Protein backbone atom coordinates (compact mmCIF):
# COMPACT_ATOMS: atom_id res chain seq x y z
CA UNK A 1 216.16 60.89 164.13
CA UNK A 2 212.65 60.34 162.85
CA UNK A 3 213.29 56.82 161.56
CA UNK A 4 214.58 55.80 165.01
CA UNK A 5 211.51 57.39 166.62
CA UNK A 6 209.20 55.53 164.19
CA UNK A 7 211.00 52.19 165.08
CA UNK A 8 210.76 52.62 168.76
CA UNK A 9 207.10 53.88 168.74
CA UNK A 10 205.71 51.11 166.40
CA UNK A 11 205.87 48.49 169.01
CA UNK A 12 204.27 50.72 171.56
CA UNK A 13 201.41 51.48 169.17
CA UNK A 14 200.73 47.77 168.85
CA UNK A 15 200.79 47.28 172.50
CA UNK A 16 198.60 50.27 173.07
CA UNK A 17 196.04 49.06 170.58
CA UNK A 18 195.93 45.63 172.07
CA UNK A 19 195.36 46.82 175.64
CA UNK A 20 192.83 49.47 174.67
CA UNK A 21 190.52 47.63 172.32
CA UNK A 22 187.62 45.75 173.76
CA UNK A 23 187.75 46.93 177.34
CA UNK A 24 184.97 48.59 179.28
CA UNK A 25 184.97 52.33 179.02
CA UNK A 26 184.65 52.74 182.60
CA UNK A 27 185.22 50.22 185.47
CA UNK A 28 186.22 50.06 189.12
CA UNK A 29 189.80 49.37 188.13
CA UNK A 30 190.20 52.33 185.83
CA UNK A 31 188.97 54.19 182.69
CA UNK A 32 189.30 54.14 179.02
CA UNK A 33 189.76 57.39 177.27
CA UNK A 34 189.16 57.77 173.68
CA UNK A 35 191.52 60.32 172.03
CA UNK A 36 190.33 61.84 168.82
CA UNK A 37 193.27 63.15 166.59
CA UNK A 38 193.02 65.50 163.81
CA UNK A 39 196.20 64.14 162.21
CA UNK A 40 196.38 60.82 160.29
CA UNK A 41 198.28 57.83 161.49
CA UNK A 42 201.06 58.68 159.10
CA UNK A 43 201.76 62.02 161.01
CA UNK A 44 204.63 62.04 163.41
CA UNK A 45 202.42 63.61 165.99
CA UNK A 46 200.32 60.46 165.94
CA UNK A 47 203.32 58.61 166.91
CA UNK A 48 204.20 60.86 169.69
CA UNK A 49 200.64 60.59 171.12
CA UNK A 50 200.71 56.88 170.85
CA UNK A 51 203.88 56.86 172.90
CA UNK A 52 202.43 59.34 175.26
CA UNK A 53 199.22 57.07 175.60
CA UNK A 54 201.53 54.07 176.38
CA UNK A 55 203.40 56.03 179.09
CA UNK A 56 200.16 57.21 180.57
CA UNK A 57 199.13 53.74 181.06
CA UNK A 58 202.40 52.59 182.39
CA UNK A 59 202.75 55.70 184.83
CA UNK A 60 199.11 55.05 186.15
CA UNK A 61 199.67 51.31 186.51
CA UNK A 62 197.12 50.63 183.96
CA UNK A 63 194.29 52.83 185.65
CA UNK A 64 194.14 55.07 182.55
CA UNK A 65 194.04 53.43 179.13
CA UNK A 66 194.00 55.54 175.95
CA UNK A 67 192.43 54.44 172.62
CA UNK A 68 193.57 56.37 169.57
CA UNK A 69 191.06 57.59 166.77
CA UNK A 70 193.24 59.20 164.03
CA UNK A 71 192.04 61.33 161.27
CA UNK A 72 188.91 62.57 163.21
CA UNK A 73 187.64 59.01 163.18
CA UNK A 74 185.80 59.43 166.41
CA UNK A 75 184.14 62.61 164.97
CA UNK A 76 184.93 66.14 163.77
CA UNK A 77 187.05 68.04 166.46
CA UNK A 78 184.06 70.37 167.32
CA UNK A 79 181.90 67.41 167.82
CA UNK A 80 184.34 65.61 170.21
CA UNK A 81 184.77 68.77 172.22
CA UNK A 82 181.09 68.80 172.70
CA UNK A 83 181.19 65.07 173.80
CA UNK A 84 183.72 66.00 176.41
CA UNK A 85 181.44 68.77 177.53
CA UNK A 86 178.54 66.30 177.87
CA UNK A 87 180.84 64.28 180.26
CA UNK A 88 181.80 61.42 177.97
CA UNK A 89 185.23 59.81 178.51
CA UNK A 90 186.90 61.41 175.44
CA UNK A 91 189.89 63.59 174.76
CA UNK A 92 189.54 66.20 171.99
CA UNK A 93 192.69 67.21 170.03
CA UNK A 94 191.78 70.88 169.23
CA UNK A 95 192.95 74.47 169.71
CA UNK A 96 191.62 77.48 171.61
CA UNK A 97 189.19 78.64 168.93
CA UNK A 98 187.09 75.47 169.54
CA UNK A 99 186.89 76.37 173.22
CA UNK A 100 185.99 80.13 172.75
CA UNK A 101 182.24 79.22 172.58
CA UNK A 102 182.45 78.42 176.25
CA UNK A 103 184.96 81.14 177.37
CA UNK A 104 185.16 83.74 174.60
CA UNK A 105 188.51 85.25 175.84
CA UNK A 106 190.40 81.99 174.86
CA UNK A 107 190.27 82.88 171.21
CA UNK A 108 192.78 85.45 171.78
CA UNK A 109 195.48 82.73 172.05
CA UNK A 110 195.13 82.39 168.19
CA UNK A 111 195.31 86.12 167.38
CA UNK A 112 197.63 86.44 164.36
CA UNK A 113 201.24 87.17 165.40
CA UNK A 114 200.46 87.39 169.20
CA UNK A 115 202.50 84.31 169.87
CA UNK A 116 205.58 84.50 167.64
CA UNK A 117 207.65 81.64 168.91
CA UNK A 118 207.70 78.52 171.25
CA UNK A 119 209.05 80.61 174.14
CA UNK A 120 206.07 82.90 173.79
CA UNK A 121 203.73 79.86 174.00
CA UNK A 122 205.21 78.60 177.17
CA UNK A 123 205.21 82.10 178.74
CA UNK A 124 201.47 82.35 178.26
CA UNK A 125 200.90 78.68 179.29
CA UNK A 126 202.47 79.55 182.64
CA UNK A 127 200.89 82.99 183.03
CA UNK A 128 198.25 83.94 185.43
CA UNK A 129 196.14 85.41 182.63
CA UNK A 130 195.76 82.00 180.76
CA UNK A 131 195.34 80.10 184.11
CA UNK A 132 192.43 82.31 184.84
CA UNK A 133 190.75 81.67 181.67
CA UNK A 134 191.27 77.96 181.84
CA UNK A 135 189.86 78.14 185.46
CA UNK A 136 186.72 79.63 183.89
CA UNK A 137 186.62 76.81 181.29
CA UNK A 138 186.85 74.20 184.00
CA UNK A 139 183.83 75.85 185.67
CA UNK A 140 181.96 75.33 182.32
CA UNK A 141 182.91 71.59 182.38
CA UNK A 142 186.08 71.31 180.12
CA UNK A 143 189.55 70.72 181.22
CA UNK A 144 192.70 71.52 179.23
CA UNK A 145 195.48 69.38 180.45
CA UNK A 146 198.19 69.92 177.83
CA UNK A 147 199.24 72.42 175.15
CA UNK A 148 201.92 71.16 172.66
CA UNK A 149 204.02 73.38 170.51
CA UNK A 150 203.91 72.33 166.71
CA UNK A 151 205.52 74.96 164.44
CA UNK A 152 204.80 78.22 162.64
CA UNK A 153 201.78 77.91 160.21
CA UNK A 154 202.32 78.50 156.56
CA UNK A 155 200.04 79.55 153.68
CA UNK A 156 199.62 76.66 151.07
CA UNK A 157 198.20 77.60 147.56
CA UNK A 158 197.85 76.37 144.02
CA UNK A 159 199.69 79.56 142.69
CA UNK A 160 202.82 81.46 143.75
CA UNK A 161 202.06 84.32 146.48
CA UNK A 162 204.40 87.26 146.43
CA UNK A 163 202.37 89.70 148.36
CA UNK A 164 199.22 89.79 150.45
CA UNK A 165 197.35 91.18 147.52
CA UNK A 166 197.95 87.75 145.67
CA UNK A 167 195.92 86.06 148.25
CA UNK A 168 192.84 88.38 147.64
CA UNK A 169 189.81 86.27 146.31
CA UNK A 170 191.33 82.84 147.25
CA UNK A 171 189.23 80.54 149.26
CA UNK A 172 191.34 79.44 152.10
CA UNK A 173 190.38 76.49 154.20
CA UNK A 174 190.15 76.95 158.02
CA UNK A 175 188.39 75.39 160.94
CA UNK A 176 184.91 76.84 161.62
CA UNK A 177 185.31 79.59 164.18
CA UNK A 178 185.29 83.40 164.18
CA UNK A 179 188.97 83.48 165.14
CA UNK A 180 190.04 81.20 162.23
CA UNK A 181 188.16 83.34 160.00
CA UNK A 182 189.83 86.42 161.20
CA UNK A 183 193.27 84.62 160.79
CA UNK A 184 192.53 83.88 157.10
CA UNK A 185 191.21 87.35 156.44
CA UNK A 186 194.45 88.73 158.15
CA UNK A 187 196.55 86.93 155.45
CA UNK A 188 194.35 88.18 152.82
CA UNK A 189 192.00 85.22 151.86
CA UNK A 190 188.40 84.42 151.95
CA UNK A 191 187.68 81.89 154.89
CA UNK A 192 186.17 78.71 153.93
CA UNK A 193 185.16 76.47 156.85
CA UNK A 194 186.02 72.84 156.18
CA UNK A 195 186.89 69.95 158.58
CA UNK A 196 190.52 68.81 158.24
CA UNK A 197 189.33 65.34 157.20
CA UNK A 198 187.37 66.87 154.42
CA UNK A 199 189.98 69.26 153.19
CA UNK A 200 191.71 67.10 150.30
CA UNK A 201 188.39 66.52 148.50
CA UNK A 202 187.50 70.25 148.89
CA UNK A 203 190.88 71.26 147.42
CA UNK A 204 190.51 68.89 144.45
CA UNK A 205 187.07 70.08 143.63
CA UNK A 206 187.94 73.76 143.82
CA UNK A 207 185.71 74.31 146.93
CA UNK A 208 188.98 75.70 148.57
CA UNK A 209 191.98 77.24 146.71
CA UNK A 210 194.36 76.73 149.57
CA UNK A 211 194.92 76.21 153.30
CA UNK A 212 197.07 77.40 156.29
CA UNK A 213 198.83 74.59 158.20
CA UNK A 214 202.13 73.15 159.33
CA UNK A 215 204.16 70.89 156.85
CA UNK A 216 203.67 67.47 158.38
CA UNK A 217 199.86 67.85 158.14
CA UNK A 218 200.13 68.90 154.52
CA UNK A 219 202.32 65.77 153.94
CA UNK A 220 200.36 63.26 155.89
CA UNK A 221 196.93 64.39 154.41
CA UNK A 222 198.58 64.54 150.89
CA UNK A 223 197.39 68.08 150.31
CA UNK A 224 200.74 68.71 148.45
CA UNK A 225 199.11 66.82 145.58
CA UNK A 226 196.94 69.77 145.06
CA UNK A 227 198.84 72.59 146.72
CA UNK A 228 202.22 73.10 145.11
CA UNK A 229 203.33 76.57 146.66
CA UNK A 230 204.12 77.24 150.43
CA UNK A 231 204.72 80.73 151.68
CA UNK A 232 206.25 81.21 155.01
CA UNK A 233 203.83 83.74 156.56
CA UNK A 234 204.38 82.23 160.09
CA UNK A 235 200.94 84.10 160.99
CA UNK A 236 200.27 81.80 164.01
CA UNK A 237 202.57 79.47 165.95
CA UNK A 238 200.68 76.22 165.73
CA UNK A 239 200.01 74.39 169.13
CA UNK A 240 197.47 71.81 169.92
CA UNK A 241 195.46 71.14 173.05
CA UNK A 242 194.19 68.02 174.75
CA UNK A 243 190.69 68.57 176.41
CA UNK A 244 188.53 66.37 178.33
CA UNK A 245 185.62 66.59 180.67
CA UNK A 246 186.38 68.37 183.99
CA UNK A 247 184.28 65.83 185.86
CA UNK A 248 186.14 62.92 184.24
CA UNK A 249 189.54 64.52 185.14
CA UNK A 250 188.39 65.36 188.80
CA UNK A 251 186.93 61.89 189.24
CA UNK A 252 190.48 60.44 188.86
CA UNK A 253 191.98 59.26 192.14
CA UNK A 254 194.46 61.88 193.47
CA UNK A 255 197.57 59.67 192.95
CA UNK A 256 196.46 58.83 189.32
CA UNK A 257 195.74 62.50 188.53
CA UNK A 258 199.21 63.44 189.75
CA UNK A 259 200.81 60.55 187.69
CA UNK A 260 198.89 61.76 184.65
CA UNK A 261 200.02 65.42 185.07
CA UNK A 262 203.68 64.20 185.36
CA UNK A 263 203.49 62.45 181.99
CA UNK A 264 201.63 65.44 180.47
CA UNK A 265 204.40 67.79 181.60
CA UNK A 266 207.18 65.64 180.34
CA UNK A 267 205.69 65.24 176.89
CA UNK A 268 205.14 69.06 176.51
CA UNK A 269 208.81 69.56 176.86
CA UNK A 270 209.60 66.66 174.58
CA UNK A 271 207.27 67.93 171.79
CA UNK A 272 208.95 71.35 172.01
CA UNK A 273 212.45 69.65 171.74
CA UNK A 274 211.33 67.50 168.72
CA UNK A 275 208.97 69.64 166.71
CA UNK A 276 211.23 71.96 164.68
CA UNK A 277 213.49 69.18 163.42
CA UNK A 278 210.55 67.00 162.46
CA UNK A 279 208.78 69.76 160.66
CA UNK A 280 211.82 70.81 158.79
CA UNK A 281 212.31 67.11 157.71
CA UNK A 282 208.84 67.26 156.36
CA UNK A 283 209.69 70.51 154.45
CA UNK A 284 212.54 68.74 152.72
CA UNK A 285 210.21 65.91 151.96
CA UNK A 286 207.53 68.21 150.42
CA UNK A 287 210.27 69.91 148.36
CA UNK A 288 211.25 66.48 147.06
CA UNK A 289 207.63 66.10 145.93
CA UNK A 290 207.75 69.24 144.02
CA UNK A 291 206.33 71.88 146.46
CA UNK A 292 208.03 75.28 146.05
CA UNK A 293 208.68 77.12 149.36
CA UNK A 294 209.11 80.94 149.59
CA UNK A 295 209.51 83.71 152.11
CA UNK A 296 207.57 86.94 152.00
CA UNK A 297 207.64 90.50 153.59
CA UNK A 298 205.36 90.16 156.42
CA UNK A 299 204.74 93.84 157.02
CA UNK A 300 201.51 93.80 155.28
CA UNK A 301 200.27 90.90 157.34
CA UNK A 302 201.45 92.49 160.57
CA UNK A 303 199.41 95.74 159.79
CA UNK A 304 196.32 93.74 158.98
CA UNK A 305 196.63 91.78 162.34
CA UNK A 306 196.34 95.11 164.25
CA UNK A 307 192.66 95.21 163.49
CA UNK A 308 191.87 91.78 164.96
CA UNK A 309 191.25 92.82 168.62
CA UNK A 310 188.76 95.30 167.55
CA UNK A 311 186.64 92.44 165.86
CA UNK A 312 186.23 90.68 169.20
CA UNK A 313 184.36 93.01 171.46
CA UNK A 314 183.29 90.03 173.57
CA UNK A 315 186.76 89.78 174.92
CA UNK A 316 187.54 91.13 178.39
CA UNK A 317 188.73 94.79 178.26
CA UNK A 318 192.38 95.09 177.49
CA UNK A 319 192.95 91.30 177.24
CA UNK A 320 195.12 91.46 174.16
CA UNK A 321 197.29 94.10 175.66
CA UNK A 322 197.76 92.26 178.90
CA UNK A 323 198.98 89.24 177.05
CA UNK A 324 201.27 91.35 174.98
CA UNK A 325 202.69 92.72 178.11
CA UNK A 326 203.27 89.19 179.44
CA UNK A 327 205.24 88.39 176.32
CA UNK A 328 207.12 91.53 176.24
CA UNK A 329 208.18 91.17 180.04
CA UNK A 330 209.30 87.49 179.25
CA UNK A 331 211.58 88.77 176.48
CA UNK A 332 213.55 91.08 178.99
């Protein structure tokens, strides 16, 4: 399946790069948006986003063009979020932790074991609770226009992990935010804040002893050359967001904005349909390269996760429990 997808998308990438390069960033006939991606151009998600970009251009009759910047080549994710906040015509590929400096409640979306599967993710995306938080973010100047399911995140280390105690003392790479620090501490490690594009070198040099991530990213960034053990902790259901300036979004003509939203909704569903199979393909690729995968009793991790809400007094009262109630109701 992936090989066929690669073949179809390759031509679209070429077309997209030809049409995007060299144009004006903003003109009367449309807008060029620069999409900063945390994945490399070898990651399947880069291919999906390239196809999404081509479809956005087609659906909007060329009004919106998207230029791709893989491997954080436009800037570190946090910096590109700031660029969008300043009103620049960029799209940041990030997660809710990066947005919590603008709306603190948003970091709850990455609380360990809150979201336990893709259905939970969609239940919260469609909930009033999250819509209210995103409306506050819009007021601050940032607009989230898509949330894509990826896969459960695993723990990747240089040594086998059989219990939470085995993680103690290990420096685990994570993004720079209080919530990602809390995630790493929940799985038992010492959080070490490193940009994704700088992680390989940090692992090689011993600045970090491990990381937590989905398989395709470990494969495309070649972290498997250093990290030979993967433990199925499933502590966070990975999902990524596309974020842009609220002003840039609202300045789109009404028809263009509706066309844009139509493509985004279609691709959210497609990513959900494709992600599990693609990640499982990459698990096999990593096994073939010598990575050992193991399961683990997650009871200790669940217990540690119960302390996370207490560590975020800035959250609105009862926020975590309200979201948990939304998810429990959706399961009935």
